[in-house]
PDB file of all heavy atoms in Angstrom:
ATOM      1  N   ILE A   1     -15.550-122.706 129.724  1.00  0.00           N
ATOM      2  CA  ILE A   1     -15.771-122.648 131.166  1.00  0.00           C
ATOM      3  C   ILE A   1     -14.699-123.468 131.882  1.00  0.00           C
ATOM      4  O   ILE A   1     -14.518-124.659 131.609  1.00  0.00           O
ATOM      5  CB  ILE A   1     -17.170-123.171 131.546  1.00  0.00           C
ATOM      6  CG1 ILE A   1     -18.249-122.360 130.825  1.00  0.00           C
ATOM      7  CG2 ILE A   1     -17.371-123.100 133.057  1.00  0.00           C
ATOM      8  CD1 ILE A   1     -19.667-122.805 131.138  1.00  0.00           C
ATOM      9  N   PHE A   2     -14.002-122.816 132.793  1.00  0.00           N
ATOM     10  CA  PHE A   2     -12.986-123.457 133.624  1.00  0.00           C
ATOM     11  C   PHE A   2     -13.598-123.679 135.006  1.00  0.00           C
ATOM     12  O   PHE A   2     -13.896-122.715 135.717  1.00  0.00           O
ATOM     13  CB  PHE A   2     -11.744-122.576 133.746  1.00  0.00           C
ATOM     14  CG  PHE A   2     -10.989-122.384 132.455  1.00  0.00           C
ATOM     15  CD1 PHE A   2     -11.506-121.589 131.432  1.00  0.00           C
ATOM     16  CD2 PHE A   2      -9.765-122.994 132.269  1.00  0.00           C
ATOM     17  CE1 PHE A   2     -10.810-121.412 130.248  1.00  0.00           C
ATOM     18  CE2 PHE A   2      -9.058-122.823 131.085  1.00  0.00           C
ATOM     19  CZ  PHE A   2      -9.584-122.034 130.070  1.00  0.00           C
ATOM     20  N   VAL A   3     -13.803-124.931 135.394  1.00  0.00           N
ATOM     21  CA  VAL A   3     -14.436-125.244 136.671  1.00  0.00           C
ATOM     22  C   VAL A   3     -13.381-125.741 137.653  1.00  0.00           C
ATOM     23  O   VAL A   3     -12.710-126.747 137.404  1.00  0.00           O
ATOM     24  CB  VAL A   3     -15.530-126.318 136.509  1.00  0.00           C
ATOM     25  CG1 VAL A   3     -16.149-126.644 137.868  1.00  0.00           C
ATOM     26  CG2 VAL A   3     -16.608-125.837 135.541  1.00  0.00           C
ATOM     27  N   SER A   4     -13.229-125.030 138.763  1.00  0.00           N
ATOM     28  CA  SER A   4     -12.298-125.413 139.816  1.00  0.00           C
ATOM     29  C   SER A   4     -13.083-126.055 140.952  1.00  0.00           C
ATOM     30  O   SER A   4     -13.751-125.373 141.722  1.00  0.00           O
ATOM     31  CB  SER A   4     -11.541-124.172 140.330  1.00  0.00           C
ATOM     32  OG  SER A   4     -10.733-124.506 141.438  1.00  0.00           O
ATOM     33  N   CYS A   5     -12.993-127.380 141.048  1.00  0.00           N
ATOM     34  CA  CYS A   5     -13.738-128.122 142.074  1.00  0.00           C
ATOM     35  C   CYS A   5     -12.830-129.222 142.622  1.00  0.00           C
ATOM     36  O   CYS A   5     -12.766-130.318 142.044  1.00  0.00           O
ATOM     37  CB  CYS A   5     -15.015-128.712 141.481  1.00  0.00           C
ATOM     38  SG  CYS A   5     -16.014-129.623 142.690  1.00  0.00           S
ATOM     39  N   PRO A   6     -12.136-128.984 143.713  1.00  0.00           N
ATOM     40  CA  PRO A   6     -11.144-129.943 144.209  1.00  0.00           C
ATOM     41  C   PRO A   6     -11.701-131.329 144.528  1.00  0.00           C
ATOM     42  O   PRO A   6     -11.058-132.338 144.243  1.00  0.00           O
ATOM     43  CB  PRO A   6     -10.607-129.268 145.470  1.00  0.00           C
ATOM     44  CG  PRO A   6     -10.816-127.820 145.227  1.00  0.00           C
ATOM     45  CD  PRO A   6     -12.115-127.732 144.483  1.00  0.00           C
ATOM     46  N   ILE A   7     -12.901-131.382 145.117  1.00  0.00           N
ATOM     47  CA  ILE A   7     -13.468-132.671 145.519  1.00  0.00           C
ATOM     48  C   ILE A   7     -14.889-132.763 144.975  1.00  0.00           C
ATOM     49  O   ILE A   7     -15.789-132.050 145.417  1.00  0.00           O
ATOM     50  CB  ILE A   7     -13.454-132.828 147.051  1.00  0.00           C
ATOM     51  CG1 ILE A   7     -12.005-132.761 147.559  1.00  0.00           C
ATOM     52  CG2 ILE A   7     -14.092-134.149 147.457  1.00  0.00           C
ATOM     53  CD1 ILE A   7     -11.868-132.826 149.073  1.00  0.00           C
ATOM     54  N   LEU A   8     -15.089-133.629 144.017  1.00  0.00           N
ATOM     55  CA  LEU A   8     -16.396-133.761 143.367  1.00  0.00           C
ATOM     56  C   LEU A   8     -17.421-134.393 144.292  1.00  0.00           C
ATOM     57  O   LEU A   8     -17.104-135.239 145.127  1.00  0.00           O
ATOM     58  CB  LEU A   8     -16.268-134.621 142.109  1.00  0.00           C
ATOM     59  CG  LEU A   8     -15.431-134.045 140.964  1.00  0.00           C
ATOM     60  CD1 LEU A   8     -15.271-135.079 139.866  1.00  0.00           C
ATOM     61  CD2 LEU A   8     -16.080-132.785 140.420  1.00  0.00           C
ATOM     62  N   ASN A   9     -18.679-133.968 144.137  1.00  0.00           N
ATOM     63  CA  ASN A   9     -19.799-134.580 144.852  1.00  0.00           C
ATOM     64  C   ASN A   9     -21.014-134.554 143.939  1.00  0.00           C
ATOM     65  O   ASN A   9     -20.929-134.162 142.771  1.00  0.00           O
ATOM     66  CB  ASN A   9     -20.062-133.851 146.180  1.00  0.00           C
ATOM     67  CG  ASN A   9     -20.321-132.365 145.984  1.00  0.00           C
ATOM     68  OD1 ASN A   9     -20.894-131.938 144.978  1.00  0.00           O
ATOM     69  ND2 ASN A   9     -19.894-131.553 146.945  1.00  0.00           N
ATOM     70  N   SER A  10     -22.159-134.974 144.456  1.00  0.00           N
ATOM     71  CA  SER A  10     -23.354-135.070 143.612  1.00  0.00           C
ATOM     72  C   SER A  10     -23.777-133.711 143.061  1.00  0.00           C
ATOM     73  O   SER A  10     -24.242-133.607 141.909  1.00  0.00           O
ATOM     74  CB  SER A  10     -24.505-135.711 144.393  1.00  0.00           C
ATOM     75  OG  SER A  10     -24.799-134.960 145.562  1.00  0.00           O
ATOM     76  N   ASN A  11     -23.620-132.653 143.852  1.00  0.00           N
ATOM     77  CA  ASN A  11     -24.014-131.319 143.384  1.00  0.00           C
ATOM     78  C   ASN A  11     -23.110-130.821 142.255  1.00  0.00           C
ATOM     79  O   ASN A  11     -23.594-130.285 141.247  1.00  0.00           O
ATOM     80  CB  ASN A  11     -23.981-130.324 144.545  1.00  0.00           C
ATOM     81  CG  ASN A  11     -25.057-130.592 145.572  1.00  0.00           C
ATOM     82  OD1 ASN A  11     -26.126-131.090 145.248  1.00  0.00           O
ATOM     83  ND2 ASN A  11     -24.775-130.268 146.823  1.00  0.00           N
ATOM     84  N   SER A  12     -21.808-130.990 142.417  1.00  0.00           N
ATOM     85  CA  SER A  12     -20.897-130.540 141.369  1.00  0.00           C
ATOM     86  C   SER A  12     -21.045-131.389 140.109  1.00  0.00           C
ATOM     87  O   SER A  12     -20.917-130.871 138.987  1.00  0.00           O
ATOM     88  CB  SER A  12     -19.445-130.559 141.868  1.00  0.00           C
ATOM     89  OG  SER A  12     -19.079-131.836 142.334  1.00  0.00           O
ATOM     90  N   ARG A  13     -21.332-132.689 140.283  1.00  0.00           N
ATOM     91  CA  ARG A  13     -21.570-133.529 139.104  1.00  0.00           C
ATOM     92  C   ARG A  13     -22.806-133.059 138.335  1.00  0.00           C
ATOM     93  O   ARG A  13     -22.822-133.053 137.098  1.00  0.00           O
ATOM     94  CB  ARG A  13     -21.739-134.993 139.511  1.00  0.00           C
ATOM     95  CG  ARG A  13     -20.439-135.733 139.706  1.00  0.00           C
ATOM     96  CD  ARG A  13     -20.667-137.240 139.726  1.00  0.00           C
ATOM     97  NE  ARG A  13     -21.533-137.660 140.806  1.00  0.00           N
ATOM     98  CZ  ARG A  13     -21.124-137.887 142.042  1.00  0.00           C
ATOM     99  NH1 ARG A  13     -19.839-137.731 142.349  1.00  0.00           N
ATOM    100  NH2 ARG A  13     -21.956-138.282 142.979  1.00  0.00           N
ATOM    101  N   ALA A  14     -23.850-132.673 139.064  1.00  0.00           N
ATOM    102  CA  ALA A  14     -25.065-132.175 138.410  1.00  0.00           C
ATOM    103  C   ALA A  14     -24.768-130.899 137.631  1.00  0.00           C
ATOM    104  O   ALA A  14     -25.257-130.710 136.506  1.00  0.00           O
ATOM    105  CB  ALA A  14     -26.151-131.929 139.447  1.00  0.00           C
ATOM    106  N   LEU A  15     -23.972-130.007 138.213  1.00  0.00           N
ATOM    107  CA  LEU A  15     -23.578-128.789 137.512  1.00  0.00           C
ATOM    108  C   LEU A  15     -22.811-129.128 136.238  1.00  0.00           C
ATOM    109  O   LEU A  15     -23.114-128.603 135.159  1.00  0.00           O
ATOM    110  CB  LEU A  15     -22.708-127.917 138.417  1.00  0.00           C
ATOM    111  CG  LEU A  15     -21.961-126.784 137.710  1.00  0.00           C
ATOM    112  CD1 LEU A  15     -22.913-125.688 137.291  1.00  0.00           C
ATOM    113  CD2 LEU A  15     -20.840-126.227 138.584  1.00  0.00           C
ATOM    114  N   LEU A  16     -21.827-129.994 136.354  1.00  0.00           N
ATOM    115  CA  LEU A  16     -21.002-130.350 135.201  1.00  0.00           C
ATOM    116  C   LEU A  16     -21.839-130.986 134.100  1.00  0.00           C
ATOM    117  O   LEU A  16     -21.670-130.684 132.918  1.00  0.00           O
ATOM    118  CB  LEU A  16     -19.888-131.302 135.639  1.00  0.00           C
ATOM    119  CG  LEU A  16     -18.810-130.683 136.534  1.00  0.00           C
ATOM    120  CD1 LEU A  16     -17.946-131.776 137.156  1.00  0.00           C
ATOM    121  CD2 LEU A  16     -17.948-129.710 135.746  1.00  0.00           C
ATOM    122  N   GLN A  17     -22.768-131.866 134.499  1.00  0.00           N
ATOM    123  CA  GLN A  17     -23.613-132.522 133.499  1.00  0.00           C
ATOM    124  C   GLN A  17     -24.477-131.499 132.785  1.00  0.00           C
ATOM    125  O   GLN A  17     -24.657-131.564 131.555  1.00  0.00           O
ATOM    126  CB  GLN A  17     -24.488-133.579 134.164  1.00  0.00           C
ATOM    127  CG  GLN A  17     -25.260-134.456 133.187  1.00  0.00           C
ATOM    128  CD  GLN A  17     -24.337-135.297 132.332  1.00  0.00           C
ATOM    129  OE1 GLN A  17     -23.635-136.162 132.838  1.00  0.00           O
ATOM    130  NE2 GLN A  17     -24.318-135.038 131.026  1.00  0.00           N
ATOM    131  N   ALA A  18     -25.002-130.541 133.531  1.00  0.00           N
ATOM    132  CA  ALA A  18     -25.846-129.507 132.913  1.00  0.00           C
ATOM    133  C   ALA A  18     -25.041-128.656 131.931  1.00  0.00           C
ATOM    134  O   ALA A  18     -25.532-128.300 130.853  1.00  0.00           O
ATOM    135  CB  ALA A  18     -26.461-128.624 133.997  1.00  0.00           C
ATOM    136  N   LEU A  19     -23.800-128.345 132.283  1.00  0.00           N
ATOM    137  CA  LEU A  19     -22.961-127.551 131.388  1.00  0.00           C
ATOM    138  C   LEU A  19     -22.625-128.326 130.115  1.00  0.00           C
ATOM    139  O   LEU A  19     -22.661-127.769 129.008  1.00  0.00           O
ATOM    140  CB  LEU A  19     -21.668-127.146 132.112  1.00  0.00           C
ATOM    141  CG  LEU A  19     -21.819-126.168 133.276  1.00  0.00           C
ATOM    142  CD1 LEU A  19     -20.477-125.947 133.960  1.00  0.00           C
ATOM    143  CD2 LEU A  19     -22.400-124.836 132.811  1.00  0.00           C
ATOM    144  N   VAL A  20     -22.310-129.600 130.280  1.00  0.00           N
ATOM    145  CA  VAL A  20     -22.008-130.433 129.115  1.00  0.00           C
ATOM    146  C   VAL A  20     -23.243-130.568 128.224  1.00  0.00           C
ATOM    147  O   VAL A  20     -23.165-130.451 126.994  1.00  0.00           O
ATOM    148  CB  VAL A  20     -21.510-131.823 129.554  1.00  0.00           C
ATOM    149  CG1 VAL A  20     -21.427-132.777 128.362  1.00  0.00           C
ATOM    150  CG2 VAL A  20     -20.147-131.708 130.223  1.00  0.00           C
ATOM    151  N   ASP A  21     -24.399-130.803 128.856  1.00  0.00           N
ATOM    152  CA  ASP A  21     -25.646-130.949 128.087  1.00  0.00           C
ATOM    153  C   ASP A  21     -26.000-129.677 127.336  1.00  0.00           C
ATOM    154  O   ASP A  21     -26.710-129.724 126.319  1.00  0.00           O
ATOM    155  CB  ASP A  21     -26.799-131.336 129.023  1.00  0.00           C
ATOM    156  CG  ASP A  21     -26.658-132.746 129.570  1.00  0.00           C
ATOM    157  OD1 ASP A  21     -25.849-133.523 129.030  1.00  0.00           O
ATOM    158  OD2 ASP A  21     -27.351-133.061 130.565  1.00  0.00           O
ATOM    159  N   SER A  22     -25.518-128.535 127.836  1.00  0.00           N
ATOM    160  CA  SER A  22     -25.798-127.254 127.184  1.00  0.00           C
ATOM    161  C   SER A  22     -24.748-126.885 126.140  1.00  0.00           C
ATOM    162  O   SER A  22     -24.745-125.762 125.632  1.00  0.00           O
ATOM    163  CB  SER A  22     -25.883-126.144 128.240  1.00  0.00           C
ATOM    164  OG  SER A  22     -26.932-126.397 129.157  1.00  0.00           O
ATOM    165  N   SER A  23     -23.862-127.839 125.860  1.00  0.00           N
ATOM    166  CA  SER A  23     -22.860-127.704 124.784  1.00  0.00           C
ATOM    167  C   SER A  23     -21.776-126.672 125.066  1.00  0.00           C
ATOM    168  O   SER A  23     -21.184-126.123 124.130  1.00  0.00           O
ATOM    169  CB  SER A  23     -23.549-127.389 123.444  1.00  0.00           C
ATOM    170  OG  SER A  23     -24.446-128.432 123.101  1.00  0.00           O
ATOM    171  N   PHE A  24     -21.520-126.386 126.337  1.00  0.00           N
ATOM    172  CA  PHE A  24     -20.385-125.537 126.665  1.00  0.00           C
ATOM    173  C   PHE A  24     -19.103-126.352 126.571  1.00  0.00           C
ATOM    174  O   PHE A  24     -19.103-127.566 126.750  1.00  0.00           O
ATOM    175  CB  PHE A  24     -20.521-124.960 128.079  1.00  0.00           C
ATOM    176  CG  PHE A  24     -21.601-123.931 128.230  1.00  0.00           C
ATOM    177  CD1 PHE A  24     -22.745-124.211 128.958  1.00  0.00           C
ATOM    178  CD2 PHE A  24     -21.467-122.683 127.648  1.00  0.00           C
ATOM    179  CE1 PHE A  24     -23.751-123.268 129.094  1.00  0.00           C
ATOM    180  CE2 PHE A  24     -22.470-121.726 127.782  1.00  0.00           C
ATOM    181  CZ  PHE A  24     -23.613-122.024 128.504  1.00  0.00           C
ATOM    182  N   HIS A  25     -18.005-125.661 126.310  1.00  0.00           N
ATOM    183  CA  HIS A  25     -16.694-126.291 126.290  1.00  0.00           C
ATOM    184  C   HIS A  25     -16.151-126.233 127.717  1.00  0.00           C
ATOM    185  O   HIS A  25     -15.695-125.181 128.163  1.00  0.00           O
ATOM    186  CB  HIS A  25     -15.772-125.549 125.321  1.00  0.00           C
ATOM    187  CG  HIS A  25     -14.476-126.252 125.085  1.00  0.00           C
ATOM    188  ND1 HIS A  25     -13.351-125.616 124.630  1.00  0.00           N
ATOM    189  CD2 HIS A  25     -14.119-127.564 125.229  1.00  0.00           C
ATOM    190  CE1 HIS A  25     -12.361-126.475 124.507  1.00  0.00           C
ATOM    191  NE2 HIS A  25     -12.803-127.653 124.867  1.00  0.00           N
ATOM    192  N   VAL A  26     -16.228-127.362 128.438  1.00  0.00           N
ATOM    193  CA  VAL A  26     -15.952-127.371 129.874  1.00  0.00           C
ATOM    194  C   VAL A  26     -14.611-128.032 130.167  1.00  0.00           C
ATOM    195  O   VAL A  26     -14.328-129.142 129.715  1.00  0.00           O
ATOM    196  CB  VAL A  26     -17.061-128.121 130.646  1.00  0.00           C
ATOM    197  CG1 VAL A  26     -16.790-128.072 132.147  1.00  0.00           C
ATOM    198  CG2 VAL A  26     -18.429-127.530 130.315  1.00  0.00           C
ATOM    199  N   ARG A  27     -13.819-127.335 130.959  1.00  0.00           N
ATOM    200  CA  ARG A  27     -12.569-127.886 131.474  1.00  0.00           C
ATOM    201  C   ARG A  27     -12.714-128.034 132.984  1.00  0.00           C
ATOM    202  O   ARG A  27     -12.889-127.041 133.686  1.00  0.00           O
ATOM    203  CB  ARG A  27     -11.389-126.968 131.153  1.00  0.00           C
ATOM    204  CG  ARG A  27     -11.061-126.841 129.677  1.00  0.00           C
ATOM    205  CD  ARG A  27     -10.019-125.743 129.479  1.00  0.00           C
ATOM    206  NE  ARG A  27      -9.498-125.682 128.118  1.00  0.00           N
ATOM    207  CZ  ARG A  27     -10.098-125.051 127.120  1.00  0.00           C
ATOM    208  NH1 ARG A  27     -11.254-124.419 127.325  1.00  0.00           N
ATOM    209  NH2 ARG A  27      -9.568-125.045 125.911  1.00  0.00           N
ATOM    210  N   LEU A  28     -12.649-129.257 133.474  1.00  0.00           N
ATOM    211  CA  LEU A  28     -12.755-129.511 134.910  1.00  0.00           C
ATOM    212  C   LEU A  28     -11.367-129.645 135.512  1.00  0.00           C
ATOM    213  O   LEU A  28     -10.541-130.426 135.035  1.00  0.00           O
ATOM    214  CB  LEU A  28     -13.544-130.802 135.169  1.00  0.00           C
ATOM    215  CG  LEU A  28     -13.475-131.343 136.612  1.00  0.00           C
ATOM    216  CD1 LEU A  28     -14.134-130.377 137.587  1.00  0.00           C
ATOM    217  CD2 LEU A  28     -14.099-132.729 136.693  1.00  0.00           C
ATOM    218  N   PHE A  29     -11.138-128.893 136.579  1.00  0.00           N
ATOM    219  CA  PHE A  29      -9.901-128.994 137.351  1.00  0.00           C
ATOM    220  C   PHE A  29     -10.266-129.541 138.733  1.00  0.00           C
ATOM    221  O   PHE A  29     -11.062-128.927 139.456  1.00  0.00           O
ATOM    222  CB  PHE A  29      -9.224-127.631 137.469  1.00  0.00           C
ATOM    223  CG  PHE A  29      -8.743-127.095 136.150  1.00  0.00           C
ATOM    224  CD1 PHE A  29      -9.633-126.496 135.268  1.00  0.00           C
ATOM    225  CD2 PHE A  29      -7.415-127.217 135.777  1.00  0.00           C
ATOM    226  CE1 PHE A  29      -9.205-126.010 134.042  1.00  0.00           C
ATOM    227  CE2 PHE A  29      -6.978-126.733 134.545  1.00  0.00           C
ATOM    228  CZ  PHE A  29      -7.876-126.135 133.675  1.00  0.00           C
ATOM    229  N   SER A  30      -9.701-130.665 139.079  1.00  0.00           N
ATOM    230  CA  SER A  30     -10.046-131.305 140.336  1.00  0.00           C
ATOM    231  C   SER A  30      -8.839-132.081 140.850  1.00  0.00           C
ATOM    232  O   SER A  30      -7.773-132.089 140.217  1.00  0.00           O
ATOM    233  CB  SER A  30     -11.252-132.235 140.142  1.00  0.00           C
ATOM    234  OG  SER A  30     -11.750-132.706 141.382  1.00  0.00           O
ATOM    235  N   SER A  31      -9.011-132.706 142.004  1.00  0.00           N
ATOM    236  CA  SER A  31      -7.936-133.551 142.530  1.00  0.00           C
ATOM    237  C   SER A  31      -8.041-134.940 141.899  1.00  0.00           C
ATOM    238  O   SER A  31      -7.115-135.422 141.250  1.00  0.00           O
ATOM    239  CB  SER A  31      -8.026-133.639 144.051  1.00  0.00           C
ATOM    240  OG  SER A  31      -9.313-134.106 144.462  1.00  0.00           O
ATOM    241  N   ILE A  32      -9.203-135.564 142.075  1.00  0.00           N
ATOM    242  CA  ILE A  32      -9.454-136.895 141.524  1.00  0.00           C
ATOM    243  C   ILE A  32     -10.809-136.885 140.844  1.00  0.00           C
ATOM    244  O   ILE A  32     -11.801-136.446 141.426  1.00  0.00           O
ATOM    245  CB  ILE A  32      -9.431-137.971 142.630  1.00  0.00           C
ATOM    246  CG1 ILE A  32      -8.022-138.079 143.230  1.00  0.00           C
ATOM    247  CG2 ILE A  32      -9.872-139.323 142.077  1.00  0.00           C
ATOM    248  CD1 ILE A  32      -7.945-138.970 144.452  1.00  0.00           C
ATOM    249  N   ALA A  33     -10.847-137.346 139.615  1.00  0.00           N
ATOM    250  CA  ALA A  33     -12.102-137.476 138.875  1.00  0.00           C
ATOM    251  C   ALA A  33     -11.959-138.703 137.981  1.00  0.00           C
ATOM    252  O   ALA A  33     -10.975-138.812 137.251  1.00  0.00           O
ATOM    253  CB  ALA A  33     -12.394-136.237 138.049  1.00  0.00           C
ATOM    254  N   VAL A  34     -12.907-139.611 138.057  1.00  0.00           N
ATOM    255  CA  VAL A  34     -12.767-140.869 137.327  1.00  0.00           C
ATOM    256  C   VAL A  34     -14.036-141.196 136.547  1.00  0.00           C
ATOM    257  O   VAL A  34     -15.128-140.724 136.864  1.00  0.00           O
ATOM    258  CB  VAL A  34     -12.455-142.047 138.278  1.00  0.00           C
ATOM    259  CG1 VAL A  34     -11.158-141.820 139.012  1.00  0.00           C
ATOM    260  CG2 VAL A  34     -13.603-142.250 139.264  1.00  0.00           C
TER     261      VAL A  34
END
């Protein structure tokens, strides 16, 4: 899964966490992520 999310927020973090918890291979593309 290639996720294009320029500016992270609580909703996108929840999505990403759910994808990771479901064992998908996730690539996040963003401006700043720490």
